[in-house]
Amino acid sequence: MRRAGLAFVLLLVSAGAPSSVGAAAVTTKEIEEALTCQCGCGLTVHSCNHLQCGSGIPLKQEVLTLVSQGLGRDEILLRFRDKYGEKILSAPTVEGFNLTAWLVPFVMLAAGAAVVATTLVRWRATRETSPSEAVPRPLSELDRRRLQAELAKEKS
């Protein structure tokens, strides 16, 4: 099912692209930059600097063979992904779990910003109505008499 979905996306992309007659031919460098070397260096196949690399050299030869057969960039990358798995691609695809991995950080950032904004609004609202900042009201005549009576009791 995933393969069919990717094939459909590739079909849509190629339908919008110019025909192969007018399109520039894919280069080996372009494909090698889209593939990660499997020797553990963490670089692309094109920029792997290990002498006699057991992964990079065969991959470069395989890329050269596929490019010389006239295959397109997407088709070549699809073949590599099918053969070696998604780890061969230097940039993850935006489908399935990878789509979730791309979106979750932004969703979490937005949720965190909403929590902070809500907290600040509530905090500010409680500060504005804080009893320590309330204006004291004047004493009524009854309260004034009671206070004077209590103070007179204290003195005696």
C-alpha atoms as a PDB file:
ATOM      1  CA  MET A   1       0.000   0.000   0.000  1.00  0.00           C
ATOM      2  CA  ARG A   2       2.859   2.418   0.857  1.00  0.00           C
ATOM      3  CA  ARG A   3       4.529   1.631  -2.422  1.00  0.00           C
ATOM      4  CA  ALA A   4       1.333   2.286  -4.340  1.00  0.00           C
ATOM      5  CA  GLY A   5       0.939   5.634  -2.523  1.00  0.00           C
ATOM      6  CA  LEU A   6       4.490   6.665  -3.361  1.00  0.00           C
ATOM      7  CA  ALA A   7       4.033   5.573  -6.970  1.00  0.00           C
ATOM      8  CA  PHE A   8       0.876   7.692  -7.166  1.00  0.00           C
ATOM      9  CA  VAL A   9       2.728  10.740  -5.757  1.00  0.00           C
ATOM     10  CA  LEU A  10       5.557  10.190  -8.227  1.00  0.00           C
ATOM     11  CA  LEU A  11       3.031   9.943 -11.051  1.00  0.00           C
ATOM     12  CA  LEU A  12       1.442  13.240 -10.014  1.00  0.00           C
ATOM     13  CA  VAL A  13       4.822  14.951  -9.748  1.00  0.00           C
ATOM     14  CA  SER A  14       5.954  13.643 -13.113  1.00  0.00           C
ATOM     15  CA  ALA A  15       2.667  14.710 -14.722  1.00  0.00           C
ATOM     16  CA  GLY A  16       3.406  18.310 -13.752  1.00  0.00           C
ATOM     17  CA  ALA A  17       7.036  18.078 -14.864  1.00  0.00           C
ATOM     18  CA  PRO A  18       8.149  18.852 -18.387  1.00  0.00           C
ATOM     19  CA  SER A  19       8.574  15.931 -20.744  1.00  0.00           C
ATOM     20  CA  SER A  20      11.821  13.981 -20.672  1.00  0.00           C
ATOM     21  CA  VAL A  21      12.776  15.441 -24.040  1.00  0.00           C
ATOM     22  CA  GLY A  22      12.963  18.977 -22.679  1.00  0.00           C
ATOM     23  CA  ALA A  23      13.978  18.069 -19.124  1.00  0.00           C
ATOM     24  CA  ALA A  24      17.571  18.220 -17.997  1.00  0.00           C
ATOM     25  CA  ALA A  25      19.105  14.796 -17.476  1.00  0.00           C
ATOM     26  CA  VAL A  26      19.581  13.671 -13.899  1.00  0.00           C
ATOM     27  CA  THR A  27      23.203  13.762 -12.726  1.00  0.00           C
ATOM     28  CA  THR A  28      25.017  11.186 -10.643  1.00  0.00           C
ATOM     29  CA  LYS A  29      25.959  13.920  -8.161  1.00  0.00           C
ATOM     30  CA  GLU A  30      22.296  14.786  -7.635  1.00  0.00           C
ATOM     31  CA  ILE A  31      21.443  11.159  -6.839  1.00  0.00           C
ATOM     32  CA  GLU A  32      24.563  10.619  -4.698  1.00  0.00           C
ATOM     33  CA  GLU A  33      23.659  13.694  -2.611  1.00  0.00           C
ATOM     34  CA  ALA A  34      20.197  12.225  -1.971  1.00  0.00           C
ATOM     35  CA  LEU A  35      21.666   8.973  -0.593  1.00  0.00           C
ATOM     36  CA  THR A  36      23.358   8.417   2.780  1.00  0.00           C
ATOM     37  CA  CYS A  37      26.568   6.405   2.833  1.00  0.00           C
ATOM     38  CA  GLN A  38      26.119   3.230   4.873  1.00  0.00           C
ATOM     39  CA  CYS A  39      29.717   3.039   6.173  1.00  0.00           C
ATOM     40  CA  GLY A  40      28.760   4.960   9.296  1.00  0.00           C
ATOM     41  CA  CYS A  41      30.349   8.297   8.392  1.00  0.00           C
ATOM     42  CA  GLY A  42      26.968  10.067   8.326  1.00  0.00           C
ATOM     43  CA  LEU A  43      27.758  11.792   5.029  1.00  0.00           C
ATOM     44  CA  THR A  44      26.085  11.477   1.670  1.00  0.00           C
ATOM     45  CA  VAL A  45      27.428   9.000  -0.848  1.00  0.00           C
ATOM     46  CA  HIS A  46      28.828  11.890  -2.900  1.00  0.00           C
ATOM     47  CA  SER A  47      30.732  13.472  -0.005  1.00  0.00           C
ATOM     48  CA  CYS A  48      31.948  10.312   1.781  1.00  0.00           C
ATOM     49  CA  ASN A  49      35.690  10.842   2.198  1.00  0.00           C
ATOM     50  CA  HIS A  50      36.756   7.363   3.284  1.00  0.00           C
ATOM     51  CA  LEU A  51      39.349   5.802   1.044  1.00  0.00           C
ATOM     52  CA  GLN A  52      38.187   2.469  -0.331  1.00  0.00           C
ATOM     53  CA  CYS A  53      34.777   2.894   1.332  1.00  0.00           C
ATOM     54  CA  GLY A  54      33.018  -0.455   1.311  1.00  0.00           C
ATOM     55  CA  SER A  55      29.640   1.213   0.976  1.00  0.00           C
ATOM     56  CA  GLY A  56      30.194   4.416  -0.989  1.00  0.00           C
ATOM     57  CA  ILE A  57      32.109   2.978  -3.934  1.00  0.00           C
ATOM     58  CA  PRO A  58      29.547   0.256  -4.808  1.00  0.00           C
ATOM     59  CA  LEU A  59      26.685   2.725  -4.338  1.00  0.00           C
ATOM     60  CA  LYS A  60      28.361   5.221  -6.700  1.00  0.00           C
ATOM     61  CA  GLN A  61      28.739   2.484  -9.301  1.00  0.00           C
ATOM     62  CA  GLU A  62      25.104   1.484  -8.891  1.00  0.00           C
ATOM     63  CA  VAL A  63      24.006   5.120  -9.269  1.00  0.00           C
ATOM     64  CA  LEU A  64      26.114   5.472 -12.430  1.00  0.00           C
ATOM     65  CA  THR A  65      24.518   2.347 -13.886  1.00  0.00           C
ATOM     66  CA  LEU A  66      20.968   3.525 -13.178  1.00  0.00           C
ATOM     67  CA  VAL A  67      21.616   7.045 -14.498  1.00  0.00           C
ATOM     68  CA  SER A  68      23.167   5.648 -17.671  1.00  0.00           C
ATOM     69  CA  GLN A  69      20.004   3.580 -18.189  1.00  0.00           C
ATOM     70  CA  GLY A  70      18.102   6.869 -18.387  1.00  0.00           C
ATOM     71  CA  LEU A  71      16.008   6.450 -15.228  1.00  0.00           C
ATOM     72  CA  GLY A  72      14.599   9.538 -13.526  1.00  0.00           C
ATOM     73  CA  ARG A  73      15.640  10.832 -10.112  1.00  0.00           C
ATOM     74  CA  ASP A  74      12.482   9.708  -8.308  1.00  0.00           C
ATOM     75  CA  GLU A  75      12.573   6.264  -9.883  1.00  0.00           C
ATOM     76  CA  ILE A  76      16.214   5.765  -8.898  1.00  0.00           C
ATOM     77  CA  LEU A  77      15.586   6.893  -5.328  1.00  0.00           C
ATOM     78  CA  LEU A  78      12.548   4.615  -5.139  1.00  0.00           C
ATOM     79  CA  ARG A  79      14.700   1.656  -6.235  1.00  0.00           C
ATOM     80  CA  PHE A  80      17.316   2.459  -3.593  1.00  0.00           C
ATOM     81  CA  ARG A  81      14.650   2.830  -0.914  1.00  0.00           C
ATOM     82  CA  ASP A  82      13.106  -0.519  -1.884  1.00  0.00           C
ATOM     83  CA  LYS A  83      16.499  -2.242  -1.906  1.00  0.00           C
ATOM     84  CA  TYR A  84      18.163  -0.732   1.198  1.00  0.00           C
ATOM     85  CA  GLY A  85      15.274   0.661   3.200  1.00  0.00           C
ATOM     86  CA  GLU A  86      14.427   4.243   4.071  1.00  0.00           C
ATOM     87  CA  LYS A  87      17.704   4.714   5.960  1.00  0.00           C
ATOM     88  CA  ILE A  88      19.501   5.089   2.602  1.00  0.00           C
ATOM     89  CA  LEU A  89      17.727   8.382   1.864  1.00  0.00           C
ATOM     90  CA  SER A  90      19.532  11.490   3.138  1.00  0.00           C
ATOM     91  CA  ALA A  91      16.211  13.306   3.664  1.00  0.00           C
ATOM     92  CA  PRO A  92      13.263  11.430   5.176  1.00  0.00           C
ATOM     93  CA  THR A  93      10.078  11.136   3.175  1.00  0.00           C
ATOM     94  CA  VAL A  94       7.004  13.068   4.272  1.00  0.00           C
ATOM     95  CA  GLU A  95       4.580  10.174   4.631  1.00  0.00           C
ATOM     96  CA  GLY A  96       3.477   7.694   7.291  1.00  0.00           C
ATOM     97  CA  PHE A  97       5.340   7.907  10.594  1.00  0.00           C
ATOM     98  CA  ASN A  98       7.810  10.412   9.168  1.00  0.00           C
ATOM     99  CA  LEU A  99       4.960  12.861   8.648  1.00  0.00           C
ATOM    100  CA  THR A 100       4.140  12.506  12.342  1.00  0.00           C
ATOM    101  CA  ALA A 101       7.797  13.042  13.236  1.00  0.00           C
ATOM    102  CA  TRP A 102       7.833  16.236  11.156  1.00  0.00           C
ATOM    103  CA  LEU A 103       4.589  17.633  12.607  1.00  0.00           C
ATOM    104  CA  VAL A 104       4.687  16.705  16.317  1.00  0.00           C
ATOM    105  CA  PRO A 105       7.401  19.225  17.328  1.00  0.00           C
ATOM    106  CA  PHE A 106       5.445  22.095  15.781  1.00  0.00           C
ATOM    107  CA  VAL A 107       2.182  20.937  17.379  1.00  0.00           C
ATOM    108  CA  MET A 108       3.889  20.646  20.772  1.00  0.00           C
ATOM    109  CA  LEU A 109       5.447  24.108  20.381  1.00  0.00           C
ATOM    110  CA  ALA A 110       2.037  25.591  19.582  1.00  0.00           C
ATOM    111  CA  ALA A 111       0.434  23.776  22.531  1.00  0.00           C
ATOM    112  CA  GLY A 112       3.187  25.016  24.867  1.00  0.00           C
ATOM    113  CA  ALA A 113       2.723  28.581  23.629  1.00  0.00           C
ATOM    114  CA  ALA A 114      -1.045  28.290  24.244  1.00  0.00           C
ATOM    115  CA  VAL A 115      -0.461  27.027  27.801  1.00  0.00           C
ATOM    116  CA  VAL A 116       1.970  29.865  28.549  1.00  0.00           C
ATOM    117  CA  ALA A 117      -0.390  32.476  27.077  1.00  0.00           C
ATOM    118  CA  THR A 118      -3.365  31.122  29.040  1.00  0.00           C
ATOM    119  CA  THR A 119      -1.336  31.054  32.256  1.00  0.00           C
ATOM    120  CA  LEU A 120      -0.169  34.631  31.761  1.00  0.00           C
ATOM    121  CA  VAL A 121      -3.700  35.867  31.078  1.00  0.00           C
ATOM    122  CA  ARG A 122      -5.057  34.147  34.196  1.00  0.00           C
ATOM    123  CA  TRP A 123      -2.123  35.333  36.296  1.00  0.00           C
ATOM    124  CA  ARG A 124      -2.631  38.916  35.190  1.00  0.00           C
ATOM    125  CA  ALA A 125      -6.388  38.718  35.840  1.00  0.00           C
ATOM    126  CA  THR A 126      -5.819  37.490  39.416  1.00  0.00           C
ATOM    127  CA  ARG A 127      -3.228  40.231  40.051  1.00  0.00           C
ATOM    128  CA  GLU A 128      -5.691  42.906  38.948  1.00  0.00           C
ATOM    129  CA  THR A 129      -8.318  41.739  41.445  1.00  0.00           C
ATOM    130  CA  SER A 130      -5.865  40.979  44.261  1.00  0.00           C
ATOM    131  CA  PRO A 131      -7.195  41.930  47.738  1.00  0.00           C
ATOM    132  CA  SER A 132      -3.861  43.545  48.650  1.00  0.00           C
ATOM    133  CA  GLU A 133      -4.417  46.186  45.990  1.00  0.00           C
ATOM    134  CA  ALA A 134      -8.108  46.736  46.774  1.00  0.00           C
ATOM    135  CA  VAL A 135      -9.149  50.258  47.830  1.00  0.00           C
ATOM    136  CA  PRO A 136     -10.348  50.320  51.468  1.00  0.00           C
ATOM    137  CA  ARG A 137     -13.917  51.492  51.956  1.00  0.00           C
ATOM    138  CA  PRO A 138     -14.767  54.044  54.626  1.00  0.00           C
ATOM    139  CA  LEU A 139     -16.088  52.808  57.971  1.00  0.00           C
ATOM    140  CA  SER A 140     -19.771  53.124  58.664  1.00  0.00           C
ATOM    141  CA  GLU A 141     -20.902  55.014  61.782  1.00  0.00           C
ATOM    142  CA  LEU A 142     -21.832  51.747  63.494  1.00  0.00           C
ATOM    143  CA  ASP A 143     -18.385  50.217  62.780  1.00  0.00           C
ATOM    144  CA  ARG A 144     -16.670  53.428  64.016  1.00  0.00           C
ATOM    145  CA  ARG A 145     -18.549  53.285  67.356  1.00  0.00           C
ATOM    146  CA  ARG A 146     -17.695  49.598  67.810  1.00  0.00           C
ATOM    147  CA  LEU A 147     -14.022  50.292  67.075  1.00  0.00           C
ATOM    148  CA  GLN A 148     -13.915  53.147  69.597  1.00  0.00           C
ATOM    149  CA  ALA A 149     -15.592  50.933  72.210  1.00  0.00           C
ATOM    150  CA  GLU A 150     -13.047  48.164  71.643  1.00  0.00           C
ATOM    151  CA  LEU A 151     -10.145  50.629  71.882  1.00  0.00           C
ATOM    152  CA  ALA A 152     -11.562  52.083  75.099  1.00  0.00           C
ATOM    153  CA  LYS A 153     -11.766  48.549  76.592  1.00  0.00           C
ATOM    154  CA  GLU A 154      -8.138  47.936  75.635  1.00  0.00           C
ATOM    155  CA  LYS A 155      -6.954  51.102  77.435  1.00  0.00           C
ATOM    156  CA  SER A 156      -8.719  50.233  80.680  1.00  0.00           C
END
